[in-house]
Amino acid sequence: MMNDAVFYDTLRQGLWVSVMMSTPILAVALVAGLVVGLFQALTSIQEMTLTFVPKLLTIVGVFWMTMGFMTDTLAAYFDGTIVPLIIGG
């Protein structure tokens, strides 16, 4: 049976792993949104696809470039934290 300290530590580590994995995508989406918003404000072009397509392309590109990092991070968390808890429990 798992005690409260182990549970909360595992939960904290899992949340930190999710923050580390999502930060590159969220940062690029924020920058792309700011750039597109600035472009729309400067040119007075209010096209809906102009906001969606560049953000989608940048998010997909960053996801493709960081898939290895995300996979390694999640696998390390699983192998180092979750599996020992399952085996020991």
N, C-alpha and C. Protein backbone atom coordinates (compact mmCIF):
# COMPACT_ATOMS: atom_id res chain seq x y z
N MET A 1 0.84 -1.19 0.00
CA MET A 1 0.00 0.00 0.00
C MET A 1 0.89 1.24 0.00
N MET A 2 0.54 2.21 -0.83
CA MET A 2 1.32 3.44 -0.99
C MET A 2 0.89 4.47 0.07
N ASN A 3 1.88 5.10 0.72
CA ASN A 3 1.52 6.13 1.69
C ASN A 3 1.33 7.48 0.99
N ASP A 4 0.86 8.46 1.75
CA ASP A 4 0.52 9.76 1.17
C ASP A 4 1.73 10.48 0.59
N ALA A 5 2.88 10.38 1.24
CA ALA A 5 4.07 11.08 0.77
C ALA A 5 4.51 10.56 -0.59
N VAL A 6 4.50 9.26 -0.77
CA VAL A 6 4.90 8.67 -2.05
C VAL A 6 3.89 9.05 -3.13
N PHE A 7 2.62 9.03 -2.80
CA PHE A 7 1.58 9.40 -3.76
C PHE A 7 1.76 10.83 -4.24
N TYR A 8 1.92 11.76 -3.30
CA TYR A 8 2.04 13.17 -3.68
C TYR A 8 3.36 13.46 -4.39
N ASP A 9 4.42 12.76 -4.03
CA ASP A 9 5.68 12.94 -4.74
C ASP A 9 5.58 12.42 -6.17
N THR A 10 4.93 11.29 -6.35
CA THR A 10 4.73 10.75 -7.70
C THR A 10 3.85 11.67 -8.53
N LEU A 11 2.81 12.21 -7.91
CA LEU A 11 1.94 13.16 -8.60
C LEU A 11 2.70 14.42 -8.98
N ARG A 12 3.53 14.94 -8.08
CA ARG A 12 4.33 16.13 -8.36
C ARG A 12 5.29 15.87 -9.52
N GLN A 13 5.94 14.72 -9.51
CA GLN A 13 6.86 14.38 -10.60
C GLN A 13 6.12 14.25 -11.93
N GLY A 14 4.94 13.65 -11.90
CA GLY A 14 4.15 13.51 -13.12
C GLY A 14 3.72 14.84 -13.68
N LEU A 15 3.32 15.75 -12.80
CA LEU A 15 2.94 17.09 -13.27
C LEU A 15 4.15 17.83 -13.83
N TRP A 16 5.31 17.68 -13.21
CA TRP A 16 6.52 18.33 -13.72
C TRP A 16 6.90 17.77 -15.08
N VAL A 17 6.77 16.47 -15.26
CA VAL A 17 7.06 15.86 -16.57
C VAL A 17 6.11 16.41 -17.63
N SER A 18 4.84 16.55 -17.28
CA SER A 18 3.89 17.09 -18.26
C SER A 18 4.19 18.55 -18.60
N VAL A 19 4.66 19.33 -17.62
CA VAL A 19 5.05 20.71 -17.90
C VAL A 19 6.27 20.74 -18.82
N MET A 20 7.25 19.90 -18.54
CA MET A 20 8.45 19.87 -19.38
C MET A 20 8.13 19.45 -20.82
N MET A 21 7.19 18.51 -20.96
CA MET A 21 6.86 18.03 -22.30
C MET A 21 6.02 19.03 -23.08
N SER A 22 5.19 19.80 -22.41
CA SER A 22 4.30 20.72 -23.12
C SER A 22 4.88 22.11 -23.33
N THR A 23 5.94 22.46 -22.61
CA THR A 23 6.49 23.82 -22.71
C THR A 23 6.95 24.20 -24.12
N PRO A 24 7.68 23.36 -24.85
CA PRO A 24 8.09 23.79 -26.20
C PRO A 24 6.91 24.10 -27.12
N ILE A 25 5.89 23.26 -27.09
CA ILE A 25 4.74 23.47 -27.97
C ILE A 25 3.97 24.71 -27.55
N LEU A 26 3.74 24.88 -26.27
CA LEU A 26 2.99 26.05 -25.80
C LEU A 26 3.74 27.35 -26.05
N ALA A 27 5.06 27.33 -25.88
CA ALA A 27 5.86 28.53 -26.12
C ALA A 27 5.81 28.93 -27.59
N VAL A 28 5.93 27.96 -28.48
CA VAL A 28 5.90 28.27 -29.92
C VAL A 28 4.50 28.73 -30.33
N ALA A 29 3.46 28.13 -29.76
CA ALA A 29 2.10 28.57 -30.08
C ALA A 29 1.88 30.01 -29.61
N LEU A 30 2.42 30.36 -28.45
CA LEU A 30 2.31 31.73 -27.95
C LEU A 30 3.02 32.71 -28.86
N VAL A 31 4.25 32.39 -29.25
CA VAL A 31 5.02 33.29 -30.12
C VAL A 31 4.35 33.42 -31.48
N ALA A 32 3.89 32.29 -32.04
CA ALA A 32 3.22 32.35 -33.35
C ALA A 32 1.94 33.18 -33.26
N GLY A 33 1.18 33.02 -32.19
CA GLY A 33 -0.03 33.81 -32.02
C GLY A 33 0.26 35.30 -31.89
N LEU A 34 1.32 35.63 -31.18
CA LEU A 34 1.69 37.05 -31.06
C LEU A 34 2.14 37.63 -32.39
N VAL A 35 2.93 36.88 -33.13
CA VAL A 35 3.40 37.36 -34.43
C VAL A 35 2.23 37.54 -35.40
N VAL A 36 1.34 36.57 -35.46
CA VAL A 36 0.20 36.67 -36.36
C VAL A 36 -0.73 37.80 -35.92
N GLY A 37 -0.94 37.95 -34.61
CA GLY A 37 -1.77 39.04 -34.12
C GLY A 37 -1.19 40.40 -34.43
N LEU A 38 0.13 40.52 -34.29
CA LEU A 38 0.80 41.77 -34.64
C LEU A 38 0.68 42.04 -36.13
N PHE A 39 0.87 41.02 -36.95
CA PHE A 39 0.73 41.17 -38.39
C PHE A 39 -0.68 41.60 -38.76
N GLN A 40 -1.68 40.99 -38.13
CA GLN A 40 -3.07 41.36 -38.42
C GLN A 40 -3.37 42.78 -37.97
N ALA A 41 -2.82 43.19 -36.85
CA ALA A 41 -3.06 44.55 -36.37
C ALA A 41 -2.40 45.58 -37.28
N LEU A 42 -1.21 45.25 -37.79
CA LEU A 42 -0.49 46.21 -38.64
C LEU A 42 -1.09 46.30 -40.04
N THR A 43 -1.66 45.21 -40.54
CA THR A 43 -2.16 45.21 -41.92
C THR A 43 -3.68 45.30 -42.00
N SER A 44 -4.38 45.23 -40.89
CA SER A 44 -5.84 45.25 -40.82
C SER A 44 -6.47 44.10 -41.61
N ILE A 45 -5.75 43.00 -41.73
CA ILE A 45 -6.29 41.79 -42.36
C ILE A 45 -6.87 40.92 -41.26
N GLN A 46 -8.17 40.65 -41.33
CA GLN A 46 -8.83 39.86 -40.28
C GLN A 46 -9.35 38.55 -40.87
N GLU A 47 -8.45 37.75 -41.36
CA GLU A 47 -8.81 36.46 -41.94
C GLU A 47 -8.64 35.37 -40.89
N MET A 48 -9.65 34.53 -40.70
CA MET A 48 -9.61 33.50 -39.67
C MET A 48 -8.55 32.44 -39.96
N THR A 49 -8.36 32.09 -41.23
CA THR A 49 -7.36 31.08 -41.53
C THR A 49 -5.95 31.59 -41.29
N LEU A 50 -5.77 32.90 -41.32
CA LEU A 50 -4.45 33.47 -41.06
C LEU A 50 -4.03 33.24 -39.62
N THR A 51 -4.96 33.14 -38.70
CA THR A 51 -4.59 32.87 -37.32
C THR A 51 -4.43 31.38 -37.06
N PHE A 52 -5.15 30.55 -37.78
CA PHE A 52 -5.15 29.12 -37.51
C PHE A 52 -4.00 28.38 -38.18
N VAL A 53 -3.79 28.60 -39.46
CA VAL A 53 -2.83 27.82 -40.24
C VAL A 53 -1.38 28.02 -39.76
N PRO A 54 -0.89 29.24 -39.56
CA PRO A 54 0.50 29.36 -39.09
C PRO A 54 0.73 28.72 -37.71
N LYS A 55 -0.22 28.89 -36.82
CA LYS A 55 -0.06 28.27 -35.50
C LYS A 55 -0.08 26.75 -35.61
N LEU A 56 -0.97 26.22 -36.42
CA LEU A 56 -1.03 24.77 -36.60
C LEU A 56 0.27 24.24 -37.19
N LEU A 57 0.79 24.91 -38.21
CA LEU A 57 2.04 24.46 -38.84
C LEU A 57 3.22 24.53 -37.87
N THR A 58 3.31 25.60 -37.10
CA THR A 58 4.42 25.70 -36.15
C THR A 58 4.29 24.68 -35.02
N ILE A 59 3.08 24.44 -34.56
CA ILE A 59 2.89 23.45 -33.51
C ILE A 59 3.24 22.05 -34.01
N VAL A 60 2.80 21.71 -35.21
CA VAL A 60 3.12 20.40 -35.77
C VAL A 60 4.63 20.27 -35.99
N GLY A 61 5.27 21.34 -36.47
CA GLY A 61 6.72 21.30 -36.67
C GLY A 61 7.48 21.12 -35.38
N VAL A 62 7.11 21.85 -34.35
CA VAL A 62 7.79 21.71 -33.07
C VAL A 62 7.51 20.35 -32.44
N PHE A 63 6.28 19.87 -32.58
CA PHE A 63 5.98 18.54 -32.07
C PHE A 63 6.83 17.49 -32.77
N TRP A 64 6.98 17.61 -34.07
CA TRP A 64 7.79 16.66 -34.83
C TRP A 64 9.25 16.72 -34.39
N MET A 65 9.77 17.94 -34.13
CA MET A 65 11.17 18.08 -33.73
C MET A 65 11.42 17.63 -32.29
N THR A 66 10.42 17.70 -31.43
CA THR A 66 10.63 17.36 -30.02
C THR A 66 10.02 16.02 -29.63
N MET A 67 9.57 15.24 -30.59
CA MET A 67 8.99 13.94 -30.25
C MET A 67 9.98 13.04 -29.51
N GLY A 68 11.23 13.05 -29.92
CA GLY A 68 12.24 12.23 -29.25
C GLY A 68 12.44 12.64 -27.81
N PHE A 69 12.53 13.94 -27.57
CA PHE A 69 12.67 14.45 -26.21
C PHE A 69 11.46 14.08 -25.36
N MET A 70 10.26 14.24 -25.92
CA MET A 70 9.05 13.92 -25.16
C MET A 70 8.98 12.43 -24.84
N THR A 71 9.31 11.60 -25.81
CA THR A 71 9.29 10.16 -25.60
C THR A 71 10.31 9.74 -24.55
N ASP A 72 11.52 10.28 -24.64
CA ASP A 72 12.56 9.95 -23.66
C ASP A 72 12.18 10.41 -22.26
N THR A 73 11.60 11.60 -22.14
CA THR A 73 11.20 12.13 -20.85
C THR A 73 10.10 11.28 -20.22
N LEU A 74 9.10 10.93 -21.00
CA LEU A 74 8.00 10.13 -20.49
C LEU A 74 8.46 8.71 -20.15
N ALA A 75 9.31 8.13 -20.99
CA ALA A 75 9.80 6.78 -20.72
C ALA A 75 10.68 6.76 -19.48
N ALA A 76 11.50 7.80 -19.29
CA ALA A 76 12.34 7.87 -18.08
C ALA A 76 11.48 7.99 -16.83
N TYR A 77 10.44 8.79 -16.89
CA TYR A 77 9.54 8.91 -15.74
C TYR A 77 8.84 7.58 -15.46
N PHE A 78 8.38 6.95 -16.49
CA PHE A 78 7.68 5.68 -16.32
C PHE A 78 8.61 4.61 -15.76
N ASP A 79 9.81 4.48 -16.38
CA ASP A 79 10.75 3.46 -15.94
C ASP A 79 11.35 3.76 -14.56
N GLY A 80 11.56 5.03 -14.27
CA GLY A 80 12.21 5.38 -13.01
C GLY A 80 11.28 5.54 -11.84
N THR A 81 9.99 5.83 -12.09
CA THR A 81 9.08 6.11 -11.00
C THR A 81 7.89 5.16 -10.95
N ILE A 82 7.20 5.00 -12.04
CA ILE A 82 5.94 4.24 -12.03
C ILE A 82 6.21 2.73 -11.93
N VAL A 83 7.12 2.20 -12.73
CA VAL A 83 7.39 0.76 -12.72
C VAL A 83 7.89 0.30 -11.35
N PRO A 84 8.85 1.00 -10.72
CA PRO A 84 9.26 0.56 -9.36
C PRO A 84 8.12 0.57 -8.36
N LEU A 85 7.20 1.53 -8.48
CA LEU A 85 6.05 1.55 -7.58
C LEU A 85 5.13 0.35 -7.82
N ILE A 86 4.97 -0.04 -9.09
CA ILE A 86 4.13 -1.19 -9.40
C ILE A 86 4.78 -2.47 -8.91
N ILE A 87 6.08 -2.59 -9.14
CA ILE A 87 6.80 -3.81 -8.74
C ILE A 87 6.85 -3.91 -7.21
N GLY A 88 7.11 -2.77 -6.57
CA GLY A 88 7.22 -2.78 -5.11
C GLY A 88 5.88 -2.87 -4.42
N GLY A 89 4.80 -2.54 -5.11
CA GLY A 89 3.48 -2.50 -4.49
C GLY A 89 2.82 -3.81 -4.52
